[in-house]
Amino acid sequence: MNKCSSLFLAVAILALLGPVASFAAVTPYSQDFEGLDQEDPAALANDGWLVFGNVYTPGGDYLYGYGPFGAPNGGPAFSAIVIGEGGAEQGEQQLSVYNDYNNEDHGNGNLIEANVFQEQTIGQENVGQDWCFDFQAKLGNIEGQTTALAFIKTLDPNNNYQTTNFITEDMTNIPTTWQGYALSITIDESLVGQILQIGFSSTATNYEGSGIFYDNIVWDTCEPTATITTTIGKVKSSYR
């Protein structure tokens, strides 16, 4: 099977795993992964998790994107519910986020950016609200050139899904013990009708390790924090 047909097959399988989430406004979400069926390949997709891939040359030039699709649970691409990586606070089941190893451009030395996220649409009633993305995480098997992020992202569907906010926490060198992390965003009038995503990503090449474990996710209104930075740069829309 050639690269194009192999990638098409992987995309087709992911597309069957779940529908794209759509909401009238930003609403609270929480997940400790204990209530999801670890053996169900559609467990994450059914909980609203999506995936999207972007591919860059080794020099950072954008090549193509694919998705969004319902997030897989298990296998070599994007995400899985795992057992036994937590302590008393994390319980039995955790979320593992890693790269898309179904994409054979790994072997060509290209950079694969794999995104795993929840998605909502910003409503008028959200204007003036501050929202916090809190979660716990520990390092998995990051190798070589691989990098990892947690993010809040907003995309403008009326402007070719351009990224209007990309608020990040670098997860590449976090400890191998569980720690808490938080990101926040203030919703203003300009964001009404835009897509908001919370989630995790890894960028890897040559099939290098990329796993990070996450748990106890809480997305809710909060007081604003002064330590969060916003970056908009060489980030492609999740719907290019």
Protein backbone atom coordinates (compact mmCIF):
# COMPACT_ATOMS: atom_id res chain seq x y z
CA MET A 1 0.00 0.00 0.00
CA ASN A 2 1.46 3.40 -0.95
CA LYS A 3 1.69 6.36 1.40
CA CYS A 4 -1.37 8.18 0.04
CA SER A 5 -3.67 5.17 0.24
CA SER A 6 -2.35 4.26 3.70
CA LEU A 7 -2.96 7.76 5.00
CA PHE A 8 -6.43 7.82 3.41
CA LEU A 9 -7.30 4.55 5.14
CA ALA A 10 -6.15 5.90 8.52
CA VAL A 11 -8.20 9.06 8.00
CA ALA A 12 -11.27 7.08 6.96
CA ILE A 13 -11.06 4.91 10.08
CA LEU A 14 -10.76 7.96 12.33
CA ALA A 15 -13.72 9.61 10.61
CA LEU A 16 -15.96 6.72 11.63
CA LEU A 17 -15.18 7.12 15.30
CA GLY A 18 -17.39 10.10 16.06
CA PRO A 19 -19.06 13.33 14.90
CA VAL A 20 -17.71 16.85 15.18
CA ALA A 21 -18.86 18.50 18.40
CA SER A 22 -20.94 21.67 18.14
CA PHE A 23 -22.28 23.88 20.92
CA ALA A 24 -24.32 27.08 21.09
CA ALA A 25 -22.03 28.66 23.68
CA VAL A 26 -19.01 27.93 25.82
CA THR A 27 -20.09 25.68 28.70
CA PRO A 28 -18.28 23.89 31.55
CA TYR A 29 -16.65 20.52 30.94
CA SER A 30 -14.82 18.15 33.27
CA GLN A 31 -13.38 14.68 32.86
CA ASP A 32 -11.41 12.29 35.07
CA PHE A 33 -11.70 9.43 32.51
CA GLU A 34 -12.93 6.98 35.16
CA GLY A 35 -16.40 6.70 33.63
CA LEU A 36 -15.21 6.01 30.07
CA ASP A 37 -14.89 2.46 28.74
CA GLN A 38 -11.17 1.85 28.33
CA GLU A 39 -11.86 -0.94 25.84
CA ASP A 40 -14.24 1.05 23.60
CA PRO A 41 -12.37 2.49 20.57
CA ALA A 42 -14.99 5.27 20.34
CA ALA A 43 -14.98 6.21 24.04
CA LEU A 44 -13.08 9.49 23.56
CA ALA A 45 -14.94 10.43 20.38
CA ASN A 46 -18.26 9.84 22.12
CA ASP A 47 -17.12 12.20 24.87
CA GLY A 48 -16.54 14.94 22.30
CA TRP A 49 -12.78 14.62 21.80
CA LEU A 50 -11.51 15.46 18.31
CA VAL A 51 -8.18 15.20 16.51
CA PHE A 52 -6.49 17.19 13.76
CA GLY A 53 -3.09 16.77 12.12
CA ASN A 54 -0.79 19.33 10.51
CA VAL A 55 2.36 18.43 8.59
CA TYR A 56 5.43 20.64 8.14
CA THR A 57 8.74 20.22 6.34
CA PRO A 58 11.86 19.86 8.51
CA GLY A 59 12.39 23.58 7.91
CA GLY A 60 8.92 24.45 9.21
CA ASP A 61 7.06 25.10 5.95
CA TYR A 62 3.42 24.02 6.04
CA LEU A 63 2.49 21.08 3.80
CA TYR A 64 -1.08 19.99 4.63
CA GLY A 65 -3.64 19.31 7.35
CA TYR A 66 -6.23 16.60 7.93
CA GLY A 67 -9.27 16.37 10.18
CA PRO A 68 -11.13 16.98 12.34
CA PHE A 69 -12.10 13.43 13.25
CA GLY A 70 -13.39 11.76 16.38
CA ALA A 71 -10.46 10.99 18.67
CA PRO A 72 -9.43 7.32 18.65
CA ASN A 73 -9.04 5.40 21.89
CA GLY A 74 -5.97 3.21 21.45
CA GLY A 75 -3.80 2.33 18.49
CA PRO A 76 -0.83 4.22 17.04
CA ALA A 77 -2.56 7.54 16.38
CA PHE A 78 -3.24 10.51 18.67
CA SER A 79 -4.80 9.26 21.90
CA ALA A 80 -5.79 6.48 24.28
CA ILE A 81 -7.34 5.87 27.67
CA VAL A 82 -4.68 4.07 29.71
CA ILE A 83 -4.74 2.28 33.06
CA GLY A 84 -2.34 2.50 35.96
CA GLU A 85 -0.41 5.71 35.28
CA GLY A 86 -2.02 7.70 38.09
CA GLY A 87 -1.84 7.99 41.84
CA ALA A 88 -4.64 8.23 44.39
CA GLU A 89 -5.74 11.63 43.04
CA GLN A 90 -5.82 10.46 39.41
CA GLY A 91 -7.61 7.17 39.92
CA GLU A 92 -7.33 4.15 37.65
CA GLN A 93 -7.68 5.67 34.16
CA GLN A 94 -5.85 8.52 32.45
CA LEU A 95 -5.65 10.12 28.99
CA SER A 96 -2.51 9.49 26.97
CA VAL A 97 -1.85 11.96 24.14
CA TYR A 98 0.82 11.25 21.54
CA ASN A 99 1.64 11.74 17.88
CA ASP A 100 0.00 10.31 14.76
CA TYR A 101 2.23 7.36 13.96
CA ASN A 102 -0.15 6.27 11.19
CA ASN A 103 1.21 9.18 9.15
CA GLU A 104 4.08 7.80 7.10
CA ASP A 105 5.53 11.28 6.59
CA HIS A 106 7.29 10.54 9.88
CA GLY A 107 9.68 8.42 7.85
CA ASN A 108 10.30 11.29 5.42
CA GLY A 109 11.57 13.49 8.23
CA ASN A 110 8.56 15.80 8.15
CA LEU A 111 7.13 17.23 11.37
CA ILE A 112 3.72 15.86 12.35
CA GLU A 113 1.69 18.09 14.67
CA ALA A 114 -1.03 15.97 16.31
CA ASN A 115 -3.82 17.83 18.15
CA VAL A 116 -6.33 16.26 20.55
CA PHE A 117 -9.03 18.64 21.77
CA GLN A 118 -12.53 19.52 22.91
CA GLU A 119 -14.37 22.12 20.84
CA GLN A 120 -17.13 24.64 21.56
CA THR A 121 -18.55 27.76 19.92
CA ILE A 122 -18.39 31.12 21.68
CA GLY A 123 -21.79 32.74 22.28
CA GLN A 124 -22.89 36.28 23.04
CA GLU A 125 -23.60 35.25 26.63
CA ASN A 126 -19.90 34.44 27.10
CA VAL A 127 -18.72 38.02 26.50
CA GLY A 128 -16.89 39.37 29.56
CA GLN A 129 -16.34 35.92 31.06
CA ASP A 130 -12.96 34.51 32.07
CA TRP A 131 -12.53 30.78 31.47
CA CYS A 132 -9.87 28.48 32.98
CA PHE A 133 -8.51 25.22 31.63
CA ASP A 134 -7.15 23.26 34.61
CA PHE A 135 -5.63 19.80 34.36
CA GLN A 136 -3.00 17.48 35.77
CA ALA A 137 -0.19 15.94 33.73
CA LYS A 138 3.00 13.92 33.89
CA LEU A 139 5.73 13.17 31.36
CA GLY A 140 5.54 10.00 29.29
CA ASN A 141 8.13 9.10 26.65
CA ILE A 142 9.18 12.35 24.96
CA GLU A 143 12.17 11.66 22.70
CA GLY A 144 14.52 13.50 20.35
CA GLN A 145 13.08 16.64 18.73
CA THR A 146 9.55 16.04 20.00
CA THR A 147 7.68 18.91 21.66
CA ALA A 148 4.33 18.96 23.46
CA LEU A 149 1.82 21.67 24.38
CA ALA A 150 -1.43 22.22 26.22
CA PHE A 151 -3.51 24.96 24.63
CA ILE A 152 -6.58 27.16 24.42
CA LYS A 153 -7.17 28.15 20.80
CA THR A 154 -9.77 30.30 19.05
CA LEU A 155 -10.48 30.10 15.32
CA ASP A 156 -12.48 32.47 13.13
CA PRO A 157 -14.80 30.55 10.76
CA ASN A 158 -15.56 33.77 8.88
CA ASN A 159 -11.87 34.28 8.05
CA ASN A 160 -10.77 30.89 6.70
CA TYR A 161 -10.55 29.53 10.27
CA GLN A 162 -7.58 31.70 11.08
CA THR A 163 -6.17 31.36 14.59
CA THR A 164 -7.08 34.41 16.70
CA ASN A 165 -5.76 33.16 20.06
CA PHE A 166 -3.24 30.46 20.84
CA ILE A 167 -2.60 30.30 24.58
CA THR A 168 -0.12 27.59 25.50
CA GLU A 169 1.72 25.75 28.23
CA ASP A 170 4.91 23.95 27.19
CA MET A 171 4.61 20.33 28.34
CA THR A 172 7.83 19.06 26.72
CA ASN A 173 9.98 18.93 29.84
CA ILE A 174 7.43 18.50 32.63
CA PRO A 175 8.23 16.16 35.56
CA THR A 176 7.56 12.43 35.54
CA THR A 177 5.35 13.00 38.61
CA TRP A 178 1.83 14.45 38.46
CA GLN A 179 1.57 18.24 38.60
CA GLY A 180 -1.27 20.73 38.14
CA TYR A 181 -1.42 23.24 35.27
CA ALA A 182 -3.78 26.04 34.24
CA LEU A 183 -4.49 28.25 31.23
CA SER A 184 -7.10 31.00 30.92
CA ILE A 185 -8.79 33.23 28.37
CA THR A 186 -11.03 36.29 28.55
CA ILE A 187 -13.94 36.30 26.10
CA ASP A 188 -14.56 39.62 24.37
CA GLU A 189 -17.07 40.73 21.75
CA SER A 190 -14.71 40.03 18.85
CA LEU A 191 -14.74 36.30 19.66
CA VAL A 192 -18.51 35.75 19.42
CA GLY A 193 -19.23 33.04 16.86
CA GLN A 194 -15.65 31.80 16.84
CA ILE A 195 -14.61 28.23 17.60
CA LEU A 196 -12.83 27.62 20.91
CA GLN A 197 -10.67 24.57 21.51
CA ILE A 198 -9.02 23.25 24.66
CA GLY A 199 -6.58 20.41 24.36
CA PHE A 200 -3.13 18.99 23.88
CA SER A 201 -0.70 18.55 21.01
CA SER A 202 2.62 16.98 20.15
CA THR A 203 4.98 17.63 17.25
CA ALA A 204 7.26 14.75 16.35
CA THR A 205 9.19 13.23 13.45
CA ASN A 206 10.94 9.97 12.57
CA TYR A 207 8.57 8.04 14.87
CA GLU A 208 10.14 9.49 18.02
CA GLY A 209 8.31 9.08 21.32
CA SER A 210 5.78 11.78 22.22
CA GLY A 211 3.52 10.59 25.06
CA ILE A 212 2.16 12.79 27.85
CA PHE A 213 -0.41 11.64 30.42
CA TYR A 214 -3.32 13.92 31.41
CA ASP A 215 -6.10 13.70 33.97
CA ASN A 216 -8.64 15.62 36.07
CA ILE A 217 -9.53 18.12 33.37
CA VAL A 218 -11.73 21.05 34.40
CA TRP A 219 -12.94 23.77 32.02
CA ASP A 220 -15.03 26.42 33.76
CA THR A 221 -15.37 30.14 34.47
CA CYS A 222 -12.67 31.58 36.70
CA GLU A 223 -10.88 34.68 37.89
CA PRO A 224 -8.33 35.93 35.33
CA THR A 225 -4.68 35.06 35.88
CA ALA A 226 -1.75 37.31 35.03
CA THR A 227 0.75 34.60 34.09
CA ILE A 228 -0.81 33.34 30.87
CA THR A 229 0.76 34.42 27.58
CA THR A 230 -0.87 34.44 24.15
CA THR A 231 1.10 33.57 21.05
CA ILE A 232 -0.05 33.65 17.45
CA GLY A 233 2.59 32.69 14.95
CA LYS A 234 3.35 29.69 12.76
CA VAL A 235 0.18 27.95 13.94
CA LYS A 236 -2.20 26.68 11.30
CA SER A 237 -5.94 26.62 11.68
CA SER A 238 -7.41 23.28 12.72
CA TYR A 239 -9.62 23.52 9.62
CA ARG A 240 -7.22 24.63 6.91
